[in-house]
C-alpha cells in the first residue's frame, strides 16, 4: 500500500498532464486553464498529504506543458514549482479541515496568479492582461475545490501533510 501511495501522485499528475496537453480547441481567453490542471492535481495531493509529490515530476510536467503550449521553456515549470513550494511551506495544521484547505487553496491561487503575471510580463517586457490569468487560475482552482468537497477519506485525521513529514522523506522520493 505504501508503494502505491508513493507513486500515486506521479501517476495522476502524468494522466492529468496528458489530458491538459490534448488540443481541446479552447478560446484564447481560456489559455491559462488547461496548463494549470497538472499543478492543481498536485495541489490536491499536497493538501491531503497523500503520498509525496516529487519536484522533478512537477518540473518535467512544466517542461512538457511548455512544449505543448509553444511557450517559453521553463514558464510552467516555474509556476508549478512555485505553487508546490508555497503549498509545502503552509503549516500542516491548516490542512486538517475543509475550511483550512479552502484558505490554503485561495492563498496558493493568489501566489500562482502573481507569479504568472510577473513571469509573463518579464518575458514580454510589458504587462500582460491579468483578467485571463485570474479567470484561468480561478477555474482551475474550482476543479480542486470540487475534488476536495467530494473526497471521502476515513483516515483524514491520520494523514499527515508533506510539510510535517520532513525533508528526509521528501528527499528520498524526489
N, C-alpha and C. Protein backbone atom coordinates (compact mmCIF):
# COMPACT_ATOMS: atom_id res chain seq x y z
N UNK A 1 0.82 -1.20 0.00
CA UNK A 1 0.00 0.00 0.00
C UNK A 1 0.86 1.26 0.00
N UNK A 2 1.99 1.20 0.73
CA UNK A 2 2.87 2.37 0.76
C UNK A 2 3.47 2.64 -0.61
N UNK A 3 3.76 1.57 -1.36
CA UNK A 3 4.34 1.75 -2.69
C UNK A 3 3.33 2.42 -3.62
N UNK A 4 2.07 2.04 -3.49
CA UNK A 4 1.03 2.65 -4.32
C UNK A 4 0.89 4.13 -3.98
N UNK A 5 0.87 4.45 -2.69
CA UNK A 5 0.76 5.86 -2.28
C UNK A 5 1.98 6.66 -2.69
N UNK A 6 3.13 6.01 -2.80
CA UNK A 6 4.34 6.72 -3.18
C UNK A 6 4.30 7.15 -4.65
N UNK A 7 3.70 6.32 -5.51
CA UNK A 7 3.69 6.66 -6.94
C UNK A 7 2.37 7.25 -7.40
N UNK A 8 1.33 7.19 -6.56
CA UNK A 8 0.01 7.69 -6.96
C UNK A 8 0.03 9.15 -7.42
N UNK A 9 0.66 10.08 -6.69
CA UNK A 9 0.67 11.46 -7.19
C UNK A 9 1.34 11.60 -8.56
N UNK A 10 2.43 10.91 -8.77
CA UNK A 10 3.13 11.00 -10.05
C UNK A 10 2.27 10.46 -11.20
N UNK A 11 1.58 9.37 -10.95
CA UNK A 11 0.73 8.78 -11.98
C UNK A 11 -0.45 9.69 -12.30
N UNK A 12 -1.09 10.23 -11.28
CA UNK A 12 -2.24 11.11 -11.52
C UNK A 12 -1.80 12.39 -12.21
N UNK A 13 -0.69 12.97 -11.79
CA UNK A 13 -0.19 14.20 -12.43
C UNK A 13 0.12 13.94 -13.89
N UNK A 14 0.71 12.78 -14.20
CA UNK A 14 1.03 12.43 -15.58
C UNK A 14 -0.24 12.25 -16.41
N UNK A 15 -1.27 11.63 -15.83
CA UNK A 15 -2.53 11.46 -16.56
C UNK A 15 -3.21 12.79 -16.81
N UNK A 16 -3.23 13.66 -15.81
CA UNK A 16 -3.83 14.98 -15.99
C UNK A 16 -3.02 15.80 -16.99
N UNK A 17 -1.71 15.65 -16.98
CA UNK A 17 -0.85 16.33 -17.95
C UNK A 17 -1.20 15.90 -19.37
N UNK A 18 -1.42 14.60 -19.57
CA UNK A 18 -1.79 14.11 -20.90
C UNK A 18 -3.13 14.70 -21.35
N UNK A 19 -4.08 14.81 -20.44
CA UNK A 19 -5.37 15.43 -20.77
C UNK A 19 -5.22 16.93 -21.05
N UNK A 20 -4.37 17.59 -20.29
CA UNK A 20 -4.19 19.03 -20.46
C UNK A 20 -3.45 19.37 -21.74
N UNK A 21 -2.60 18.46 -22.21
CA UNK A 21 -1.84 18.71 -23.44
C UNK A 21 -2.65 18.45 -24.70
N UNK A 22 -3.77 17.79 -24.56
CA UNK A 22 -4.61 17.48 -25.73
C UNK A 22 -5.15 18.77 -26.33
N UNK A 23 -5.25 18.82 -27.65
CA UNK A 23 -5.78 20.04 -28.30
C UNK A 23 -7.30 20.11 -28.16
N UNK A 24 -7.77 20.84 -27.16
CA UNK A 24 -9.19 20.93 -26.89
C UNK A 24 -9.88 22.02 -27.68
N UNK A 25 -9.13 22.88 -28.31
CA UNK A 25 -9.73 23.96 -29.09
C UNK A 25 -10.36 25.04 -28.22
N UNK A 26 -9.73 25.34 -27.12
CA UNK A 26 -10.27 26.34 -26.20
C UNK A 26 -10.06 27.75 -26.76
N UNK A 27 -10.85 28.67 -26.27
CA UNK A 27 -10.71 30.06 -26.68
C UNK A 27 -9.40 30.63 -26.14
N UNK A 28 -8.96 31.74 -26.72
CA UNK A 28 -7.72 32.37 -26.26
C UNK A 28 -7.82 32.84 -24.82
N UNK A 29 -9.02 33.22 -24.38
CA UNK A 29 -9.18 33.68 -23.00
C UNK A 29 -8.97 32.55 -22.00
N UNK A 30 -9.14 31.31 -22.44
CA UNK A 30 -9.03 30.16 -21.54
C UNK A 30 -7.67 29.48 -21.64
N UNK A 31 -6.69 30.16 -22.17
CA UNK A 31 -5.40 29.52 -22.39
C UNK A 31 -4.63 29.25 -21.10
N UNK A 32 -5.03 29.84 -19.98
CA UNK A 32 -4.34 29.59 -18.72
C UNK A 32 -5.04 28.53 -17.87
N UNK A 33 -6.16 27.97 -18.33
CA UNK A 33 -6.87 26.99 -17.54
C UNK A 33 -6.22 25.61 -17.65
N UNK A 34 -6.08 25.10 -18.84
CA UNK A 34 -5.59 23.73 -19.04
C UNK A 34 -4.16 23.53 -18.52
N UNK A 35 -3.24 24.46 -18.75
CA UNK A 35 -1.89 24.23 -18.23
C UNK A 35 -1.81 24.21 -16.70
N UNK A 36 -2.78 24.78 -16.01
CA UNK A 36 -2.77 24.77 -14.55
C UNK A 36 -3.30 23.48 -13.95
N UNK A 37 -3.98 22.67 -14.73
CA UNK A 37 -4.58 21.46 -14.19
C UNK A 37 -3.56 20.46 -13.62
N UNK A 38 -2.39 20.24 -14.25
CA UNK A 38 -1.42 19.34 -13.61
C UNK A 38 -0.97 19.84 -12.24
N UNK A 39 -0.79 21.15 -12.08
CA UNK A 39 -0.43 21.64 -10.75
C UNK A 39 -1.59 21.46 -9.78
N UNK A 40 -2.79 21.70 -10.23
CA UNK A 40 -3.93 21.56 -9.33
C UNK A 40 -4.09 20.12 -8.87
N UNK A 41 -3.76 19.15 -9.74
CA UNK A 41 -3.76 17.75 -9.31
C UNK A 41 -2.70 17.55 -8.23
N UNK A 42 -1.55 18.17 -8.41
CA UNK A 42 -0.50 18.07 -7.38
C UNK A 42 -0.95 18.74 -6.09
N UNK A 43 -1.68 19.83 -6.21
CA UNK A 43 -2.14 20.55 -5.01
C UNK A 43 -3.10 19.70 -4.18
N UNK A 44 -3.92 18.90 -4.86
CA UNK A 44 -4.82 18.00 -4.12
C UNK A 44 -4.01 17.07 -3.24
N UNK A 45 -2.95 16.51 -3.78
CA UNK A 45 -2.11 15.59 -3.00
C UNK A 45 -1.33 16.32 -1.92
N UNK A 46 -0.88 17.53 -2.23
CA UNK A 46 -0.17 18.31 -1.21
C UNK A 46 -1.10 18.68 -0.06
N UNK A 47 -2.33 19.03 -0.37
CA UNK A 47 -3.27 19.44 0.67
C UNK A 47 -3.75 18.26 1.51
N UNK A 48 -3.93 17.13 0.88
CA UNK A 48 -4.44 15.96 1.59
C UNK A 48 -3.34 15.14 2.24
N UNK A 49 -2.09 15.36 1.83
CA UNK A 49 -0.99 14.61 2.42
C UNK A 49 -0.93 13.17 1.97
N UNK A 50 -1.46 12.88 0.79
CA UNK A 50 -1.44 11.52 0.26
C UNK A 50 -0.20 11.37 -0.60
N UNK A 51 0.70 10.50 -0.21
CA UNK A 51 1.91 10.30 -0.98
C UNK A 51 2.81 11.51 -0.94
N UNK A 52 3.80 11.49 -1.76
CA UNK A 52 4.75 12.60 -1.86
C UNK A 52 4.74 13.08 -3.31
N UNK A 53 4.62 14.38 -3.48
CA UNK A 53 4.64 14.97 -4.82
C UNK A 53 6.08 15.34 -5.12
N UNK A 54 6.74 14.57 -6.00
CA UNK A 54 8.15 14.86 -6.29
C UNK A 54 8.32 16.12 -7.14
N UNK A 55 9.26 16.95 -6.76
CA UNK A 55 9.53 18.16 -7.52
C UNK A 55 10.01 17.88 -8.94
N UNK A 56 10.84 16.83 -9.17
CA UNK A 56 11.22 16.56 -10.57
C UNK A 56 10.04 16.24 -11.48
N UNK A 57 9.02 15.60 -10.93
CA UNK A 57 7.82 15.32 -11.73
C UNK A 57 7.14 16.63 -12.12
N UNK A 58 7.04 17.55 -11.16
CA UNK A 58 6.44 18.85 -11.47
C UNK A 58 7.27 19.62 -12.49
N UNK A 59 8.59 19.54 -12.36
CA UNK A 59 9.47 20.24 -13.30
C UNK A 59 9.30 19.68 -14.72
N UNK A 60 9.31 18.36 -14.85
CA UNK A 60 9.17 17.74 -16.17
C UNK A 60 7.77 18.00 -16.72
N UNK A 61 6.74 17.96 -15.86
CA UNK A 61 5.38 18.28 -16.31
C UNK A 61 5.31 19.72 -16.83
N UNK A 62 6.00 20.63 -16.15
CA UNK A 62 6.04 22.01 -16.62
C UNK A 62 6.73 22.15 -17.96
N UNK A 63 7.82 21.43 -18.16
CA UNK A 63 8.52 21.49 -19.45
C UNK A 63 7.67 20.89 -20.57
N UNK A 64 6.99 19.79 -20.27
CA UNK A 64 6.11 19.19 -21.28
C UNK A 64 4.98 20.16 -21.63
N UNK A 65 4.44 20.84 -20.62
CA UNK A 65 3.37 21.81 -20.89
C UNK A 65 3.91 22.98 -21.70
N UNK A 66 5.14 23.40 -21.43
CA UNK A 66 5.75 24.46 -22.24
C UNK A 66 5.86 24.05 -23.70
N UNK A 67 6.27 22.81 -23.93
CA UNK A 67 6.37 22.32 -25.31
C UNK A 67 4.99 22.20 -25.96
N UNK A 68 4.00 21.78 -25.19
CA UNK A 68 2.66 21.61 -25.75
C UNK A 68 2.00 22.94 -26.05
N UNK A 69 2.29 23.97 -25.26
CA UNK A 69 1.65 25.27 -25.47
C UNK A 69 2.51 26.21 -26.32
N UNK A 70 3.66 25.73 -26.75
CA UNK A 70 4.59 26.53 -27.55
C UNK A 70 5.01 27.80 -26.83
N UNK A 71 5.17 27.69 -25.54
CA UNK A 71 5.58 28.83 -24.73
C UNK A 71 7.08 28.77 -24.44
N UNK A 72 7.56 29.74 -23.71
CA UNK A 72 8.98 29.74 -23.35
C UNK A 72 9.28 28.58 -22.40
N UNK A 73 10.38 27.91 -22.65
CA UNK A 73 10.75 26.77 -21.81
C UNK A 73 11.02 27.23 -20.38
N UNK A 74 10.38 26.59 -19.45
CA UNK A 74 10.57 26.89 -18.04
C UNK A 74 9.44 27.69 -17.43
N UNK A 75 8.54 28.26 -18.25
CA UNK A 75 7.47 29.09 -17.71
C UNK A 75 6.56 28.28 -16.79
N UNK A 76 5.98 27.21 -17.29
CA UNK A 76 5.08 26.41 -16.46
C UNK A 76 5.82 25.64 -15.40
N UNK A 77 7.08 25.30 -15.65
CA UNK A 77 7.87 24.64 -14.60
C UNK A 77 8.04 25.57 -13.41
N UNK A 78 8.30 26.84 -13.66
CA UNK A 78 8.42 27.82 -12.58
C UNK A 78 7.10 27.97 -11.84
N UNK A 79 6.00 27.99 -12.59
CA UNK A 79 4.68 28.13 -11.98
C UNK A 79 4.39 26.94 -11.08
N UNK A 80 4.60 25.73 -11.59
CA UNK A 80 4.32 24.52 -10.82
C UNK A 80 5.20 24.44 -9.57
N UNK A 81 6.47 24.69 -9.72
CA UNK A 81 7.39 24.59 -8.58
C UNK A 81 7.13 25.70 -7.56
N UNK A 82 6.75 26.88 -8.02
CA UNK A 82 6.42 27.97 -7.08
C UNK A 82 5.19 27.62 -6.26
N UNK A 83 4.18 27.08 -6.91
CA UNK A 83 2.97 26.68 -6.20
C UNK A 83 3.24 25.57 -5.21
N UNK A 84 4.04 24.58 -5.61
CA UNK A 84 4.36 23.47 -4.70
C UNK A 84 5.20 23.96 -3.53
N UNK A 85 6.14 24.85 -3.79
CA UNK A 85 6.95 25.40 -2.71
C UNK A 85 6.08 26.14 -1.71
N UNK A 86 5.16 26.95 -2.21
CA UNK A 86 4.26 27.68 -1.32
C UNK A 86 3.38 26.72 -0.53
N UNK A 87 2.82 25.73 -1.19
CA UNK A 87 1.92 24.78 -0.51
C UNK A 87 2.68 23.96 0.54
N UNK A 88 3.93 23.65 0.26
CA UNK A 88 4.73 22.88 1.24
C UNK A 88 5.12 23.72 2.45
N UNK A 89 5.12 25.04 2.30
CA UNK A 89 5.50 25.90 3.42
C UNK A 89 4.33 26.22 4.34
N UNK A 90 3.12 25.87 3.94
CA UNK A 90 1.96 26.12 4.78
C UNK A 90 2.00 25.22 6.00
N UNK A 91 1.56 25.70 7.14
CA UNK A 91 1.52 24.84 8.33
C UNK A 91 0.60 23.65 8.12
N UNK A 92 1.02 22.48 8.57
CA UNK A 92 0.25 21.26 8.36
C UNK A 92 -1.09 21.26 9.05
N UNK A 93 -1.23 21.98 10.16
CA UNK A 93 -2.49 22.02 10.87
C UNK A 93 -3.61 22.67 10.08
N UNK A 94 -3.25 23.55 9.16
CA UNK A 94 -4.25 24.23 8.34
C UNK A 94 -4.96 23.22 7.44
N UNK A 95 -4.25 22.23 6.98
CA UNK A 95 -4.79 21.29 6.01
C UNK A 95 -5.72 20.24 6.62
N UNK A 96 -5.93 20.26 7.91
CA UNK A 96 -6.75 19.25 8.57
C UNK A 96 -8.24 19.48 8.39
N UNK A 97 -8.67 20.70 8.14
CA UNK A 97 -10.09 21.00 8.00
C UNK A 97 -10.38 21.47 6.57
N UNK A 98 -11.64 21.33 6.18
CA UNK A 98 -12.03 21.76 4.83
C UNK A 98 -11.87 23.27 4.67
N UNK A 99 -12.20 24.02 5.71
CA UNK A 99 -12.05 25.47 5.64
C UNK A 99 -10.58 25.86 5.53
N UNK A 100 -9.72 25.15 6.24
CA UNK A 100 -8.28 25.41 6.15
C UNK A 100 -7.74 25.09 4.77
N UNK A 101 -8.19 23.97 4.18
CA UNK A 101 -7.76 23.63 2.82
C UNK A 101 -8.27 24.66 1.81
N UNK A 102 -9.48 25.18 2.02
CA UNK A 102 -10.01 26.22 1.15
C UNK A 102 -9.17 27.49 1.25
N UNK A 103 -8.80 27.87 2.47
CA UNK A 103 -7.93 29.03 2.65
C UNK A 103 -6.56 28.83 2.02
N UNK A 104 -6.01 27.62 2.17
CA UNK A 104 -4.71 27.32 1.56
C UNK A 104 -4.80 27.35 0.04
N UNK A 105 -5.90 26.84 -0.49
CA UNK A 105 -6.10 26.87 -1.95
C UNK A 105 -6.21 28.31 -2.43
N UNK A 106 -6.94 29.13 -1.71
CA UNK A 106 -7.08 30.54 -2.08
C UNK A 106 -5.74 31.25 -2.06
N UNK A 107 -4.97 31.02 -1.01
CA UNK A 107 -3.64 31.65 -0.93
C UNK A 107 -2.73 31.16 -2.05
N UNK A 108 -2.79 29.87 -2.35
CA UNK A 108 -1.95 29.33 -3.42
C UNK A 108 -2.36 29.89 -4.77
N UNK A 109 -3.65 30.03 -5.01
CA UNK A 109 -4.13 30.60 -6.27
C UNK A 109 -3.65 32.04 -6.42
N UNK A 110 -3.67 32.79 -5.32
CA UNK A 110 -3.17 34.17 -5.38
C UNK A 110 -1.67 34.21 -5.69
N UNK A 111 -0.92 33.30 -5.08
CA UNK A 111 0.52 33.23 -5.36
C UNK A 111 0.75 32.85 -6.82
N UNK A 112 0.01 31.85 -7.31
CA UNK A 112 0.16 31.46 -8.71
C UNK A 112 -0.19 32.60 -9.66
N UNK A 113 -1.23 33.35 -9.31
CA UNK A 113 -1.62 34.49 -10.14
C UNK A 113 -0.49 35.51 -10.22
N UNK A 114 0.08 35.85 -9.07
CA UNK A 114 1.15 36.85 -9.05
C UNK A 114 2.37 36.35 -9.82
N UNK A 115 2.74 35.08 -9.62
CA UNK A 115 3.91 34.54 -10.32
C UNK A 115 3.66 34.48 -11.83
N UNK A 116 2.47 34.08 -12.23
CA UNK A 116 2.16 34.02 -13.67
C UNK A 116 2.24 35.39 -14.32
N UNK A 117 1.63 36.37 -13.70
CA UNK A 117 1.64 37.71 -14.28
C UNK A 117 3.06 38.27 -14.29
N UNK A 118 3.79 38.07 -13.22
CA UNK A 118 5.16 38.60 -13.15
C UNK A 118 6.08 37.95 -14.19
N UNK A 119 6.05 36.63 -14.28
CA UNK A 119 6.93 35.95 -15.22
C UNK A 119 6.51 36.25 -16.66
N UNK A 120 5.21 36.23 -16.95
CA UNK A 120 4.76 36.53 -18.31
C UNK A 120 5.07 37.98 -18.69
N UNK A 121 4.95 38.90 -17.74
CA UNK A 121 5.27 40.30 -18.03
C UNK A 121 6.76 40.48 -18.27
N UNK A 122 7.59 39.78 -17.50
CA UNK A 122 9.03 39.85 -17.74
C UNK A 122 9.39 39.26 -19.10
N UNK A 123 8.72 38.21 -19.48
CA UNK A 123 9.00 37.57 -20.76
C UNK A 123 8.64 38.48 -21.93
N UNK A 124 7.51 39.17 -21.82
CA UNK A 124 7.03 40.02 -22.91
C UNK A 124 7.50 41.46 -22.81
N UNK A 125 8.12 41.82 -21.69
CA UNK A 125 8.57 43.19 -21.43
C UNK A 125 7.41 44.20 -21.46
N UNK A 126 6.24 43.73 -21.09
CA UNK A 126 5.07 44.59 -20.94
C UNK A 126 4.07 43.86 -20.04
N UNK A 127 3.16 44.61 -19.44
CA UNK A 127 2.18 43.99 -18.55
C UNK A 127 1.22 43.14 -19.37
N UNK A 128 1.01 41.91 -18.94
CA UNK A 128 0.06 41.04 -19.62
C UNK A 128 -1.35 41.32 -19.11
N UNK A 129 -2.32 40.89 -19.89
CA UNK A 129 -3.71 41.06 -19.49
C UNK A 129 -4.00 40.10 -18.33
N UNK A 130 -4.18 40.64 -17.15
CA UNK A 130 -4.33 39.82 -15.96
C UNK A 130 -5.70 39.18 -15.84
N UNK A 131 -6.69 39.65 -16.60
CA UNK A 131 -8.04 39.09 -16.49
C UNK A 131 -8.08 37.64 -16.95
N UNK A 132 -7.37 37.32 -18.01
CA UNK A 132 -7.32 35.93 -18.47
C UNK A 132 -6.61 35.04 -17.49
N UNK A 133 -5.58 35.57 -16.85
CA UNK A 133 -4.82 34.79 -15.87
C UNK A 133 -5.67 34.51 -14.64
N UNK A 134 -6.37 35.52 -14.14
CA UNK A 134 -7.19 35.30 -12.95
C UNK A 134 -8.38 34.39 -13.27
N UNK A 135 -8.93 34.50 -14.46
CA UNK A 135 -10.02 33.60 -14.84
C UNK A 135 -9.51 32.16 -14.93
N UNK A 136 -8.34 31.97 -15.51
CA UNK A 136 -7.78 30.62 -15.63
C UNK A 136 -7.45 30.01 -14.30
N UNK A 137 -6.83 30.77 -13.42
CA UNK A 137 -6.49 30.22 -12.11
C UNK A 137 -7.74 29.96 -11.29
N UNK A 138 -8.75 30.77 -11.44
CA UNK A 138 -9.99 30.55 -10.68
C UNK A 138 -10.72 29.30 -11.15
N UNK A 139 -10.80 29.10 -12.45
CA UNK A 139 -11.47 27.91 -12.98
C UNK A 139 -10.69 26.65 -12.61
N UNK A 140 -9.38 26.70 -12.68
CA UNK A 140 -8.57 25.54 -12.29
C UNK A 140 -8.71 25.25 -10.80
N UNK A 141 -8.80 26.29 -10.00
CA UNK A 141 -8.97 26.10 -8.55
C UNK A 141 -10.36 25.54 -8.24
N UNK A 142 -11.33 25.85 -9.06
CA UNK A 142 -12.66 25.29 -8.86
C UNK A 142 -12.64 23.77 -8.98
N UNK A 143 -11.83 23.26 -9.89
CA UNK A 143 -11.69 21.80 -10.02
C UNK A 143 -11.15 21.19 -8.73
N UNK A 144 -10.17 21.84 -8.11
CA UNK A 144 -9.61 21.33 -6.86
C UNK A 144 -10.65 21.41 -5.75
N UNK A 145 -11.40 22.48 -5.71
CA UNK A 145 -12.43 22.63 -4.70
C UNK A 145 -13.48 21.53 -4.81
N UNK A 146 -13.89 21.20 -6.02
CA UNK A 146 -14.88 20.14 -6.22
C UNK A 146 -14.32 18.79 -5.79
N UNK A 147 -13.07 18.50 -6.17
CA UNK A 147 -12.46 17.23 -5.74
C UNK A 147 -12.35 17.18 -4.23
N UNK A 148 -11.98 18.28 -3.60
CA UNK A 148 -11.84 18.30 -2.14
C UNK A 148 -13.18 18.10 -1.44
N UNK A 149 -14.23 18.65 -2.00
CA UNK A 149 -15.54 18.51 -1.38
C UNK A 149 -16.07 17.08 -1.45
N UNK A 150 -15.75 16.38 -2.55
CA UNK A 150 -16.25 15.03 -2.71
C UNK A 150 -15.26 13.95 -2.27
N UNK A 151 -14.08 14.34 -1.81
CA UNK A 151 -13.08 13.38 -1.35
C UNK A 151 -13.55 12.80 -0.03
N UNK A 152 -13.70 11.50 0.02
CA UNK A 152 -14.11 10.84 1.25
C UNK A 152 -12.94 10.00 1.71
N UNK A 153 -12.50 10.27 2.89
CA UNK A 153 -11.37 9.54 3.44
C UNK A 153 -11.66 9.20 4.89
N UNK A 154 -11.59 7.93 5.22
CA UNK A 154 -11.82 7.51 6.58
C UNK A 154 -10.63 7.78 7.48
N UNK A 155 -9.47 8.09 6.89
CA UNK A 155 -8.27 8.29 7.66
C UNK A 155 -7.78 9.73 7.57
N UNK A 156 -8.68 10.67 7.44
CA UNK A 156 -8.25 12.06 7.25
C UNK A 156 -7.45 12.57 8.45
N UNK A 157 -7.76 12.11 9.65
CA UNK A 157 -7.00 12.56 10.82
C UNK A 157 -5.63 11.91 10.87
N UNK A 158 -5.50 10.72 10.29
CA UNK A 158 -4.22 10.02 10.32
C UNK A 158 -3.28 10.48 9.21
N UNK A 159 -3.84 11.13 8.18
CA UNK A 159 -3.00 11.59 7.10
C UNK A 159 -2.18 12.78 7.57
N UNK A 160 -0.95 12.82 7.13
CA UNK A 160 -0.05 13.89 7.55
C UNK A 160 0.40 14.63 6.32
N UNK A 161 0.46 15.92 6.42
CA UNK A 161 0.88 16.74 5.31
C UNK A 161 2.36 16.51 5.00
N UNK A 162 2.72 16.75 3.75
CA UNK A 162 4.11 16.58 3.33
C UNK A 162 5.03 17.48 4.13
N UNK A 163 4.56 18.65 4.53
CA UNK A 163 5.41 19.57 5.28
C UNK A 163 5.75 19.01 6.65
N UNK A 164 4.87 18.18 7.22
CA UNK A 164 5.14 17.63 8.53
C UNK A 164 6.03 16.39 8.46
N UNK A 165 6.08 15.75 7.32
CA UNK A 165 6.90 14.55 7.19
C UNK A 165 8.38 14.87 7.21
N UNK A 166 8.68 16.08 6.85
CA UNK A 166 10.07 16.49 6.88
C UNK A 166 10.76 16.29 5.54
N UNK A 167 11.88 16.88 5.44
CA UNK A 167 12.63 16.83 4.18
C UNK A 167 13.25 15.47 3.95
N UNK A 168 13.39 14.66 4.98
CA UNK A 168 14.02 13.36 4.79
C UNK A 168 13.19 12.46 3.89
N UNK A 169 11.88 12.36 4.12
CA UNK A 169 11.07 11.52 3.29
C UNK A 169 10.88 12.12 1.91
N UNK A 170 10.67 13.42 1.85
CA UNK A 170 10.51 14.07 0.55
C UNK A 170 11.79 13.97 -0.25
N UNK A 171 12.93 14.00 0.40
CA UNK A 171 14.21 13.89 -0.29
C UNK A 171 14.44 12.49 -0.84
N UNK A 172 13.92 11.47 -0.16
CA UNK A 172 14.09 10.10 -0.63
C UNK A 172 13.33 9.85 -1.92
N UNK A 173 12.12 10.40 -2.03
CA UNK A 173 11.28 10.12 -3.21
C UNK A 173 11.58 11.10 -4.33
N UNK A 174 11.84 12.33 -4.02
CA UNK A 174 12.08 13.27 -5.10
C UNK A 174 12.28 14.58 -4.54
